[in-house]
C-alpha atoms as a PDB file:
ATOM      1  CA  MET A   1       0.000   0.000   0.000  1.00  0.00           C
ATOM      2  CA  ILE A   2       1.272   3.467  -0.902  1.00  0.00           C
ATOM      3  CA  ASP A   3       1.324   6.129   1.794  1.00  0.00           C
ATOM      4  CA  LYS A   4       0.276   9.336   0.009  1.00  0.00           C
ATOM      5  CA  ALA A   5       2.273  11.587   2.341  1.00  0.00           C
ATOM      6  CA  SER A   6       5.438   9.597   1.672  1.00  0.00           C
ATOM      7  CA  LEU A   7       4.868   9.690  -2.093  1.00  0.00           C
ATOM      8  CA  ILE A   8       4.278  13.459  -2.105  1.00  0.00           C
ATOM      9  CA  SER A   9       7.379  13.988   0.021  1.00  0.00           C
ATOM     10  CA  LEU A  10       9.486  11.745  -2.203  1.00  0.00           C
ATOM     11  CA  LEU A  11       8.430  13.563  -5.386  1.00  0.00           C
ATOM     12  CA  ARG A  12       8.862  17.001  -3.790  1.00  0.00           C
ATOM     13  CA  GLU A  13      12.385  16.279  -2.570  1.00  0.00           C
ATOM     14  CA  ALA A  14      13.613  14.636  -5.798  1.00  0.00           C
ATOM     15  CA  ASP A  15      16.028  16.667  -7.931  1.00  0.00           C
ATOM     16  CA  THR A  16      14.789  15.005 -11.106  1.00  0.00           C
ATOM     17  CA  TYR A  17      12.237  12.476 -12.331  1.00  0.00           C
ATOM     18  CA  VAL A  18      11.490   9.463 -10.150  1.00  0.00           C
ATOM     19  CA  SER A  19      10.970   6.358 -12.230  1.00  0.00           C
ATOM     20  CA  GLY A  20       7.926   4.179 -11.860  1.00  0.00           C
ATOM     21  CA  GLN A  21      10.217   1.244 -11.085  1.00  0.00           C
ATOM     22  CA  GLU A  22      11.836   3.159  -8.209  1.00  0.00           C
ATOM     23  CA  LEU A  23       8.417   3.907  -6.763  1.00  0.00           C
ATOM     24  CA  CYS A  24       7.327   0.278  -7.149  1.00  0.00           C
ATOM     25  CA  GLU A  25      10.406  -0.943  -5.302  1.00  0.00           C
ATOM     26  CA  HIS A  26      10.181   1.777  -2.643  1.00  0.00           C
ATOM     27  CA  PHE A  27       6.559   0.986  -1.735  1.00  0.00           C
ATOM     28  CA  GLY A  28       6.532  -2.702  -2.688  1.00  0.00           C
ATOM     29  CA  VAL A  29       3.597  -2.337  -5.084  1.00  0.00           C
ATOM     30  CA  SER A  30       2.805  -2.722  -8.782  1.00  0.00           C
ATOM     31  CA  ARG A  31       3.117  -0.039 -11.464  1.00  0.00           C
ATOM     32  CA  ASN A  32      -0.659  -0.002 -11.709  1.00  0.00           C
ATOM     33  CA  ALA A  33      -0.936   0.801  -8.005  1.00  0.00           C
ATOM     34  CA  VAL A  34       1.510   3.700  -8.433  1.00  0.00           C
ATOM     35  CA  TRP A  35      -0.445   5.009 -11.408  1.00  0.00           C
ATOM     36  CA  LYS A  36      -3.715   4.933  -9.465  1.00  0.00           C
ATOM     37  CA  VAL A  37      -2.289   6.982  -6.572  1.00  0.00           C
ATOM     38  CA  ILE A  38      -0.676   9.452  -8.987  1.00  0.00           C
ATOM     39  CA  ASN A  39      -4.092   9.962 -10.595  1.00  0.00           C
ATOM     40  CA  HIS A  40      -5.713  10.459  -7.183  1.00  0.00           C
ATOM     41  CA  LEU A  41      -3.146  13.146  -6.372  1.00  0.00           C
ATOM     42  CA  ARG A  42      -3.770  14.834  -9.724  1.00  0.00           C
ATOM     43  CA  ALA A  43      -7.494  14.864  -8.925  1.00  0.00           C
ATOM     44  CA  ASP A  44      -6.622  16.620  -5.647  1.00  0.00           C
ATOM     45  CA  GLY A  45      -4.834  19.355  -7.599  1.00  0.00           C
ATOM     46  CA  TYR A  46      -1.217  18.189  -7.625  1.00  0.00           C
ATOM     47  CA  GLU A  47       0.415  18.844 -11.003  1.00  0.00           C
ATOM     48  CA  ILE A  48       2.462  15.718 -11.692  1.00  0.00           C
ATOM     49  CA  GLU A  49       4.159  15.190 -15.042  1.00  0.00           C
ATOM     50  CA  ALA A  50       4.728  11.681 -16.364  1.00  0.00           C
ATOM     51  CA  VAL A  51       7.367  11.169 -19.071  1.00  0.00           C
ATOM     52  CA  PRO A  52       8.041   7.754 -20.679  1.00  0.00           C
ATOM     53  CA  ASN A  53      11.434   6.295 -19.739  1.00  0.00           C
ATOM     54  CA  LYS A  54      11.929   9.028 -17.133  1.00  0.00           C
ATOM     55  CA  GLY A  55       9.139   8.720 -14.613  1.00  0.00           C
ATOM     56  CA  TYR A  56       7.259  11.275 -12.535  1.00  0.00           C
ATOM     57  CA  THR A  57       8.021  14.786 -11.325  1.00  0.00           C
ATOM     58  CA  LEU A  58       5.988  17.152  -9.141  1.00  0.00           C
ATOM     59  CA  LEU A  59       5.519  20.481 -10.944  1.00  0.00           C
ATOM     60  CA  SER A  60       3.264  22.282  -8.483  1.00  0.00           C
ATOM     61  CA  THR A  61       1.343  21.760  -5.261  1.00  0.00           C
ATOM     62  CA  PRO A  62      -2.133  23.199  -4.612  1.00  0.00           C
ATOM     63  CA  ASP A  63      -2.906  25.222  -1.504  1.00  0.00           C
ATOM     64  CA  ILE A  64      -4.908  22.492   0.143  1.00  0.00           C
ATOM     65  CA  LEU A  65      -4.944  21.256   3.695  1.00  0.00           C
ATOM     66  CA  SER A  66      -5.081  17.513   4.150  1.00  0.00           C
ATOM     67  CA  LYS A  67      -3.406  15.104   6.501  1.00  0.00           C
ATOM     68  CA  GLU A  68      -1.287  13.789   3.614  1.00  0.00           C
ATOM     69  CA  GLU A  69      -0.096  17.232   2.482  1.00  0.00           C
ATOM     70  CA  ILE A  70       0.813  18.394   5.995  1.00  0.00           C
ATOM     71  CA  ALA A  71       2.470  15.084   6.865  1.00  0.00           C
ATOM     72  CA  SER A  72       4.511  15.164   3.657  1.00  0.00           C
ATOM     73  CA  ARG A  73       6.024  18.488   4.709  1.00  0.00           C
ATOM     74  CA  LEU A  74       6.618  17.352   8.300  1.00  0.00           C
ATOM     75  CA  SER A  75       8.317  14.146   7.207  1.00  0.00           C
ATOM     76  CA  GLY A  76      11.742  15.417   8.249  1.00  0.00           C
ATOM     77  CA  ALA A  77      10.588  16.565  11.684  1.00  0.00           C
ATOM     78  CA  ILE A  78      10.312  14.402  14.768  1.00  0.00           C
ATOM     79  CA  GLY A  79       7.733  14.221  17.495  1.00  0.00           C
ATOM     80  CA  PHE A  80       4.437  14.944  15.709  1.00  0.00           C
ATOM     81  CA  ASN A  81       1.267  12.883  16.114  1.00  0.00           C
ATOM     82  CA  LEU A  82      -0.932  14.540  13.487  1.00  0.00           C
ATOM     83  CA  PHE A  83      -4.715  14.887  13.445  1.00  0.00           C
ATOM     84  CA  TYR A  84      -6.499  16.763  10.650  1.00  0.00           C
ATOM     85  CA  TYR A  85     -10.125  17.936  10.533  1.00  0.00           C
ATOM     86  CA  ASP A  86     -12.029  19.492   7.636  1.00  0.00           C
ATOM     87  CA  SER A  87     -14.092  21.177  10.358  1.00  0.00           C
ATOM     88  CA  THR A  88     -14.053  21.161  14.145  1.00  0.00           C
ATOM     89  CA  ASP A  89     -15.294  23.349  16.969  1.00  0.00           C
ATOM     90  CA  SER A  90     -11.833  24.481  18.074  1.00  0.00           C
ATOM     91  CA  THR A  91      -8.432  22.854  17.708  1.00  0.00           C
ATOM     92  CA  ASN A  92      -7.682  23.707  21.356  1.00  0.00           C
ATOM     93  CA  ILE A  93     -10.887  21.936  22.411  1.00  0.00           C
ATOM     94  CA  ARG A  94     -10.058  19.011  20.130  1.00  0.00           C
ATOM     95  CA  ILE A  95      -6.565  18.684  21.614  1.00  0.00           C
ATOM     96  CA  ARG A  96      -8.011  18.814  25.141  1.00  0.00           C
ATOM     97  CA  ARG A  97     -10.229  15.844  24.279  1.00  0.00           C
ATOM     98  CA  LEU A  98      -7.285  13.978  22.771  1.00  0.00           C
ATOM     99  CA  ALA A  99      -5.205  14.705  25.881  1.00  0.00           C
ATOM    100  CA  GLU A 100      -7.948  13.279  28.085  1.00  0.00           C
ATOM    101  CA  GLU A 101      -7.845  10.151  25.909  1.00  0.00           C
ATOM    102  CA  GLY A 102      -4.111   9.778  26.520  1.00  0.00           C
ATOM    103  CA  ALA A 103      -2.613  11.477  23.456  1.00  0.00           C
ATOM    104  CA  PRO A 104       1.168  11.891  23.717  1.00  0.00           C
ATOM    105  CA  THR A 105       3.202  15.068  23.761  1.00  0.00           C
ATOM    106  CA  GLY A 106       3.692  16.405  20.243  1.00  0.00           C
ATOM    107  CA  THR A 107       0.100  15.731  19.181  1.00  0.00           C
ATOM    108  CA  LEU A 108      -0.824  18.360  16.590  1.00  0.00           C
ATOM    109  CA  ALA A 109      -4.409  19.140  15.557  1.00  0.00           C
ATOM    110  CA  VAL A 110      -5.005  21.129  12.363  1.00  0.00           C
ATOM    111  CA  ALA A 111      -8.379  22.210  10.966  1.00  0.00           C
ATOM    112  CA  ASP A 112      -9.460  23.791   7.705  1.00  0.00           C
ATOM    113  CA  MET A 113     -12.352  25.473   9.541  1.00  0.00           C
ATOM    114  CA  GLN A 114     -13.386  26.105  13.162  1.00  0.00           C
ATOM    115  CA  THR A 115     -16.968  26.657  14.262  1.00  0.00           C
ATOM    116  CA  ALA A 116     -16.042  27.886  17.743  1.00  0.00           C
ATOM    117  CA  GLY A 117     -12.563  29.384  17.393  1.00  0.00           C
ATOM    118  CA  ARG A 118     -11.380  31.310  20.438  1.00  0.00           C
ATOM    119  CA  GLY A 119      -8.870  34.046  21.133  1.00  0.00           C
ATOM    120  CA  ARG A 120      -7.670  35.504  24.412  1.00  0.00           C
ATOM    121  CA  ARG A 121     -10.185  36.531  27.084  1.00  0.00           C
ATOM    122  CA  GLY A 122     -12.937  34.503  25.433  1.00  0.00           C
ATOM    123  CA  ARG A 123     -12.967  36.500  22.210  1.00  0.00           C
ATOM    124  CA  THR A 124     -14.265  34.809  19.065  1.00  0.00           C
ATOM    125  CA  TRP A 125     -11.692  33.924  16.391  1.00  0.00           C
ATOM    126  CA  LEU A 126     -13.437  33.839  13.005  1.00  0.00           C
ATOM    127  CA  SER A 127     -12.278  30.682  11.240  1.00  0.00           C
ATOM    128  CA  PRO A 128     -13.577  30.358   7.650  1.00  0.00           C
ATOM    129  CA  ALA A 129     -12.703  27.348   5.500  1.00  0.00           C
ATOM    130  CA  GLY A 130     -10.092  27.226   2.755  1.00  0.00           C
ATOM    131  CA  MET A 131      -8.226  30.326   3.856  1.00  0.00           C
ATOM    132  CA  ASN A 132      -6.169  30.229   7.054  1.00  0.00           C
ATOM    133  CA  VAL A 133      -4.226  28.100   9.523  1.00  0.00           C
ATOM    134  CA  TYR A 134      -5.852  26.886  12.744  1.00  0.00           C
ATOM    135  CA  MET A 135      -3.718  24.475  14.767  1.00  0.00           C
ATOM    136  CA  SER A 136      -3.029  23.397  18.337  1.00  0.00           C
ATOM    137  CA  LEU A 137      -0.101  21.499  19.818  1.00  0.00           C
ATOM    138  CA  LEU A 138      -0.129  19.315  22.927  1.00  0.00           C
ATOM    139  CA  LEU A 139       2.971  19.397  25.137  1.00  0.00           C
ATOM    140  CA  LYS A 140       3.811  17.697  28.427  1.00  0.00           C
ATOM    141  CA  PRO A 141       6.895  19.567  29.628  1.00  0.00           C
ATOM    142  CA  ASP A 142       8.745  18.817  32.846  1.00  0.00           C
ATOM    143  CA  ILE A 143       8.812  22.458  33.959  1.00  0.00           C
ATOM    144  CA  THR A 144       7.246  24.562  36.701  1.00  0.00           C
ATOM    145  CA  PRO A 145       3.977  26.437  36.122  1.00  0.00           C
ATOM    146  CA  GLN A 146       5.908  29.703  36.483  1.00  0.00           C
ATOM    147  CA  THR A 147       8.096  28.748  33.526  1.00  0.00           C
ATOM    148  CA  ALA A 148       5.263  27.685  31.229  1.00  0.00           C
ATOM    149  CA  PRO A 149       4.488  31.166  29.768  1.00  0.00           C
ATOM    150  CA  MET A 150       7.881  30.980  28.046  1.00  0.00           C
ATOM    151  CA  ILE A 151       6.348  28.381  25.698  1.00  0.00           C
ATOM    152  CA  THR A 152       4.074  31.065  24.237  1.00  0.00           C
ATOM    153  CA  LEU A 153       7.120  33.194  23.455  1.00  0.00           C
ATOM    154  CA  LEU A 154       8.864  30.236  21.805  1.00  0.00           C
ATOM    155  CA  MET A 155       5.820  29.608  19.614  1.00  0.00           C
ATOM    156  CA  ALA A 156       5.659  33.288  18.674  1.00  0.00           C
ATOM    157  CA  LEU A 157       9.290  33.207  17.596  1.00  0.00           C
ATOM    158  CA  ALA A 158       8.803  29.940  15.685  1.00  0.00           C
ATOM    159  CA  VAL A 159       5.782  31.256  13.774  1.00  0.00           C
ATOM    160  CA  ALA A 160       7.575  34.512  12.988  1.00  0.00           C
ATOM    161  CA  ARG A 161      10.480  32.475  11.625  1.00  0.00           C
ATOM    162  CA  GLY A 162       8.116  30.305   9.573  1.00  0.00           C
ATOM    163  CA  ILE A 163       6.349  33.303   8.053  1.00  0.00           C
ATOM    164  CA  THR A 164       9.633  34.960   7.132  1.00  0.00           C
ATOM    165  CA  GLU A 165      11.086  31.770   5.656  1.00  0.00           C
ATOM    166  CA  VAL A 166       8.053  31.059   3.454  1.00  0.00           C
ATOM    167  CA  THR A 167       7.101  34.598   2.408  1.00  0.00           C
ATOM    168  CA  GLY A 168      10.155  36.781   2.984  1.00  0.00           C
ATOM    169  CA  LEU A 169       7.997  39.153   5.071  1.00  0.00           C
ATOM    170  CA  ASP A 170       9.457  40.790   8.167  1.00  0.00           C
ATOM    171  CA  ALA A 171       7.295  39.156  10.840  1.00  0.00           C
ATOM    172  CA  GLN A 172       7.492  40.936  14.184  1.00  0.00           C
ATOM    173  CA  ILE A 173       6.316  39.861  17.644  1.00  0.00           C
ATOM    174  CA  LYS A 174       3.888  42.012  19.606  1.00  0.00           C
ATOM    175  CA  TRP A 175       4.397  40.774  23.162  1.00  0.00           C
ATOM    176  CA  PRO A 176       3.296  38.364  24.328  1.00  0.00           C
ATOM    177  CA  ASN A 177       1.248  36.431  21.803  1.00  0.00           C
ATOM    178  CA  ASP A 178       0.647  38.279  18.524  1.00  0.00           C
ATOM    179  CA  ILE A 179       2.586  38.321  15.251  1.00  0.00           C
ATOM    180  CA  VAL A 180       2.379  41.481  13.159  1.00  0.00           C
ATOM    181  CA  VAL A 181       3.489  42.375   9.645  1.00  0.00           C
ATOM    182  CA  ASN A 182       3.793  46.048   8.733  1.00  0.00           C
ATOM    183  CA  GLY A 183       2.127  46.887  12.022  1.00  0.00           C
ATOM    184  CA  ARG A 184      -0.963  44.738  11.505  1.00  0.00           C
ATOM    185  CA  LYS A 185      -1.839  41.465  13.191  1.00  0.00           C
ATOM    186  CA  VAL A 186      -1.524  38.231  11.214  1.00  0.00           C
ATOM    187  CA  CYS A 187      -1.388  35.698  14.045  1.00  0.00           C
ATOM    188  CA  GLY A 188      -2.666  35.110  17.554  1.00  0.00           C
ATOM    189  CA  ILE A 189      -1.536  32.468  20.038  1.00  0.00           C
ATOM    190  CA  LEU A 190      -3.682  31.026  22.836  1.00  0.00           C
ATOM    191  CA  THR A 191      -1.896  28.915  25.454  1.00  0.00           C
ATOM    192  CA  GLU A 192      -3.822  26.907  28.046  1.00  0.00           C
ATOM    193  CA  MET A 193      -2.501  24.794  30.932  1.00  0.00           C
ATOM    194  CA  ASP A 194      -3.870  21.887  32.907  1.00  0.00           C
ATOM    195  CA  MET A 195      -2.037  22.072  36.226  1.00  0.00           C
ATOM    196  CA  GLU A 196      -1.969  21.638  39.962  1.00  0.00           C
ATOM    197  CA  ALA A 197      -0.213  23.990  42.380  1.00  0.00           C
ATOM    198  CA  ASP A 198       3.297  22.931  41.413  1.00  0.00           C
ATOM    199  CA  TYR A 199       2.775  20.429  38.608  1.00  0.00           C
ATOM    200  CA  ILE A 200       1.836  20.779  34.928  1.00  0.00           C
ATOM    201  CA  ARG A 201      -0.174  17.960  33.404  1.00  0.00           C
ATOM    202  CA  ASP A 202       0.007  19.479  29.944  1.00  0.00           C
ATOM    203  CA  VAL A 203       0.152  22.659  27.904  1.00  0.00           C
ATOM    204  CA  ILE A 204      -1.922  23.326  24.785  1.00  0.00           C
ATOM    205  CA  VAL A 205      -0.670  25.996  22.389  1.00  0.00           C
ATOM    206  CA  GLY A 206      -3.230  27.178  19.851  1.00  0.00           C
ATOM    207  CA  VAL A 207      -2.188  29.183  16.799  1.00  0.00           C
ATOM    208  CA  GLY A 208      -4.374  31.060  14.311  1.00  0.00           C
ATOM    209  CA  ILE A 209      -2.701  32.649  11.279  1.00  0.00           C
ATOM    210  CA  ASN A 210      -4.389  34.876   8.680  1.00  0.00           C
ATOM    211  CA  ILE A 211      -3.039  33.478   5.437  1.00  0.00           C
ATOM    212  CA  ASN A 212      -5.089  34.071   2.296  1.00  0.00           C
ATOM    213  CA  GLU A 213      -7.657  36.808   2.890  1.00  0.00           C
ATOM    214  CA  ALA A 214      -7.418  38.824  -0.324  1.00  0.00           C
ATOM    215  CA  LEU A 215      -9.053  42.078   0.809  1.00  0.00           C
ATOM    216  CA  GLU A 216      -9.512  44.073   4.019  1.00  0.00           C
ATOM    217  CA  SER A 217     -13.261  43.504   3.568  1.00  0.00           C
ATOM    218  CA  ASP A 218     -12.647  39.781   4.187  1.00  0.00           C
ATOM    219  CA  PHE A 219     -12.159  40.646   7.874  1.00  0.00           C
ATOM    220  CA  ALA A 220     -14.886  41.457  10.394  1.00  0.00           C
ATOM    221  CA  PRO A 221     -15.614  45.208  10.540  1.00  0.00           C
ATOM    222  CA  ASP A 222     -14.218  45.612  14.066  1.00  0.00           C
ATOM    223  CA  ILE A 223     -10.723  44.373  13.097  1.00  0.00           C
ATOM    224  CA  ARG A 224     -10.303  45.641   9.528  1.00  0.00           C
ATOM    225  CA  GLU A 225      -8.011  48.469  10.595  1.00  0.00           C
ATOM    226  CA  THR A 226      -5.750  46.263  12.707  1.00  0.00           C
ATOM    227  CA  ALA A 227      -5.655  42.890  10.909  1.00  0.00           C
ATOM    228  CA  THR A 228      -4.004  41.735   7.718  1.00  0.00           C
ATOM    229  CA  SER A 229      -3.057  38.509   5.954  1.00  0.00           C
ATOM    230  CA  LEU A 230       0.108  37.078   4.467  1.00  0.00           C
ATOM    231  CA  ARG A 231      -1.511  37.237   1.027  1.00  0.00           C
ATOM    232  CA  ILE A 232      -2.342  40.934   1.358  1.00  0.00           C
ATOM    233  CA  GLU A 233       1.172  41.758   2.564  1.00  0.00           C
ATOM    234  CA  SER A 234       3.069  39.548   0.098  1.00  0.00           C
ATOM    235  CA  GLY A 235       0.830  40.073  -2.924  1.00  0.00           C
ATOM    236  CA  HIS A 236       0.333  36.381  -3.648  1.00  0.00           C
ATOM    237  CA  VAL A 237      -1.387  33.242  -2.368  1.00  0.00           C
ATOM    238  CA  VAL A 238       0.633  31.531   0.382  1.00  0.00           C
ATOM    239  CA  ASN A 239       0.753  27.759   0.873  1.00  0.00           C
ATOM    240  CA  ARG A 240      -0.771  27.018   4.262  1.00  0.00           C
ATOM    241  CA  ALA A 241       0.795  23.592   4.738  1.00  0.00           C
ATOM    242  CA  ASP A 242       4.225  25.111   4.157  1.00  0.00           C
ATOM    243  CA  ILE A 243       3.614  27.708   6.880  1.00  0.00           C
ATOM    244  CA  ILE A 244       2.507  24.952   9.271  1.00  0.00           C
ATOM    245  CA  ALA A 245       5.554  22.797   8.576  1.00  0.00           C
ATOM    246  CA  LYS A 246       8.151  25.566   8.812  1.00  0.00           C
ATOM    247  CA  SER A 247       6.610  26.936  12.012  1.00  0.00           C
ATOM    248  CA  MET A 248       6.312  23.558  13.727  1.00  0.00           C
ATOM    249  CA  GLU A 249       9.782  22.412  12.744  1.00  0.00           C
ATOM    250  CA  SER A 250      11.227  25.646  14.112  1.00  0.00           C
ATOM    251  CA  PHE A 251       9.198  25.332  17.306  1.00  0.00           C
ATOM    252  CA  MET A 252      10.318  21.783  18.059  1.00  0.00           C
ATOM    253  CA  ALA A 253      13.964  22.754  17.640  1.00  0.00           C
ATOM    254  CA  LEU A 254      13.497  25.719  20.008  1.00  0.00           C
ATOM    255  CA  TYR A 255      11.461  23.631  22.448  1.00  0.00           C
ATOM    256  CA  GLU A 256      14.064  20.873  22.759  1.00  0.00           C
ATOM    257  CA  THR A 257      16.741  23.425  23.623  1.00  0.00           C
ATOM    258  CA  PHE A 258      14.399  25.172  26.057  1.00  0.00           C
ATOM    259  CA  LEU A 259      13.697  21.919  27.937  1.00  0.00           C
ATOM    260  CA  SER A 260      17.400  21.427  28.455  1.00  0.00           C
ATOM    261  CA  CYS A 261      18.084  24.898  29.869  1.00  0.00           C
ATOM    262  CA  LYS A 262      14.659  26.098  31.145  1.00  0.00           C
ATOM    263  CA  THR A 263      15.414  29.695  30.103  1.00  0.00           C
ATOM    264  CA  LEU A 264      15.043  31.852  26.995  1.00  0.00           C
ATOM    265  CA  GLY A 265      18.578  33.188  27.083  1.00  0.00           C
ATOM    266  CA  PHE A 266      19.515  31.249  23.952  1.00  0.00           C
ATOM    267  CA  VAL A 267      16.950  33.187  21.856  1.00  0.00           C
ATOM    268  CA  GLN A 268      16.999  36.531  23.676  1.00  0.00           C
ATOM    269  CA  GLY A 269      18.817  38.369  20.891  1.00  0.00           C
ATOM    270  CA  GLU A 270      16.595  37.097  18.089  1.00  0.00           C
ATOM    271  CA  TYR A 271      13.431  37.632  20.121  1.00  0.00           C
ATOM    272  CA  ASP A 272      14.389  41.215  20.944  1.00  0.00           C
ATOM    273  CA  SER A 273      15.201  41.902  17.281  1.00  0.00           C
ATOM    274  CA  ARG A 274      11.631  40.936  16.372  1.00  0.00           C
END
């Protein structure tokens, strides 16, 4: 059986054409099985060229969110247990349920749409389909409750890095939990803890990023003057799965270092510069 995420990742990372025989041997399947999955990917919007005696090459990737597309971009990262939803109430709520069911640290929930998205202080976070990034990460750090707010700052830095890497935009951090581009908000972070007096059961970090709103009128009237999107600022459609992957990979690298030193000294300079 062919894992779609692995096939997408293999084609994306190849410098040239990948022959049908290579794919057959890699996945242990027939040429017909490879052809069927290639056609399924084409139906999903992937532009895959097939050339006799050469094989297959990935020409372009659609801006779609699916478990396979996200997983294919996270294939080089460690520690993610991925859940994807076409629609859910809130990824933070979904992760809380998964945590109660015993989900491990590193569980990541991503949704194309939220029906009950939340920001800080109980504010509503509008979460339309096909446009933005809504994701939440479950962590079980061995740290004190007093240290836990540092995780929000690490996520802010990771998302700012991811935005800059994918789009080239100068993403800045508005302390403690917003990312701004050209002075307008593109991302909010909501961190929630389950804890006792001196013990953390888990931390859930929720991230909402405005990606592909095309016009200011796409935002609710009360935030049109303060919000923006990566598409508006960059002038082009931005691949959401790429933003997710770059942000999460950066976060996990920062998080592993943080767990070893329990301070933010190692990122102080970069954080201050943003």
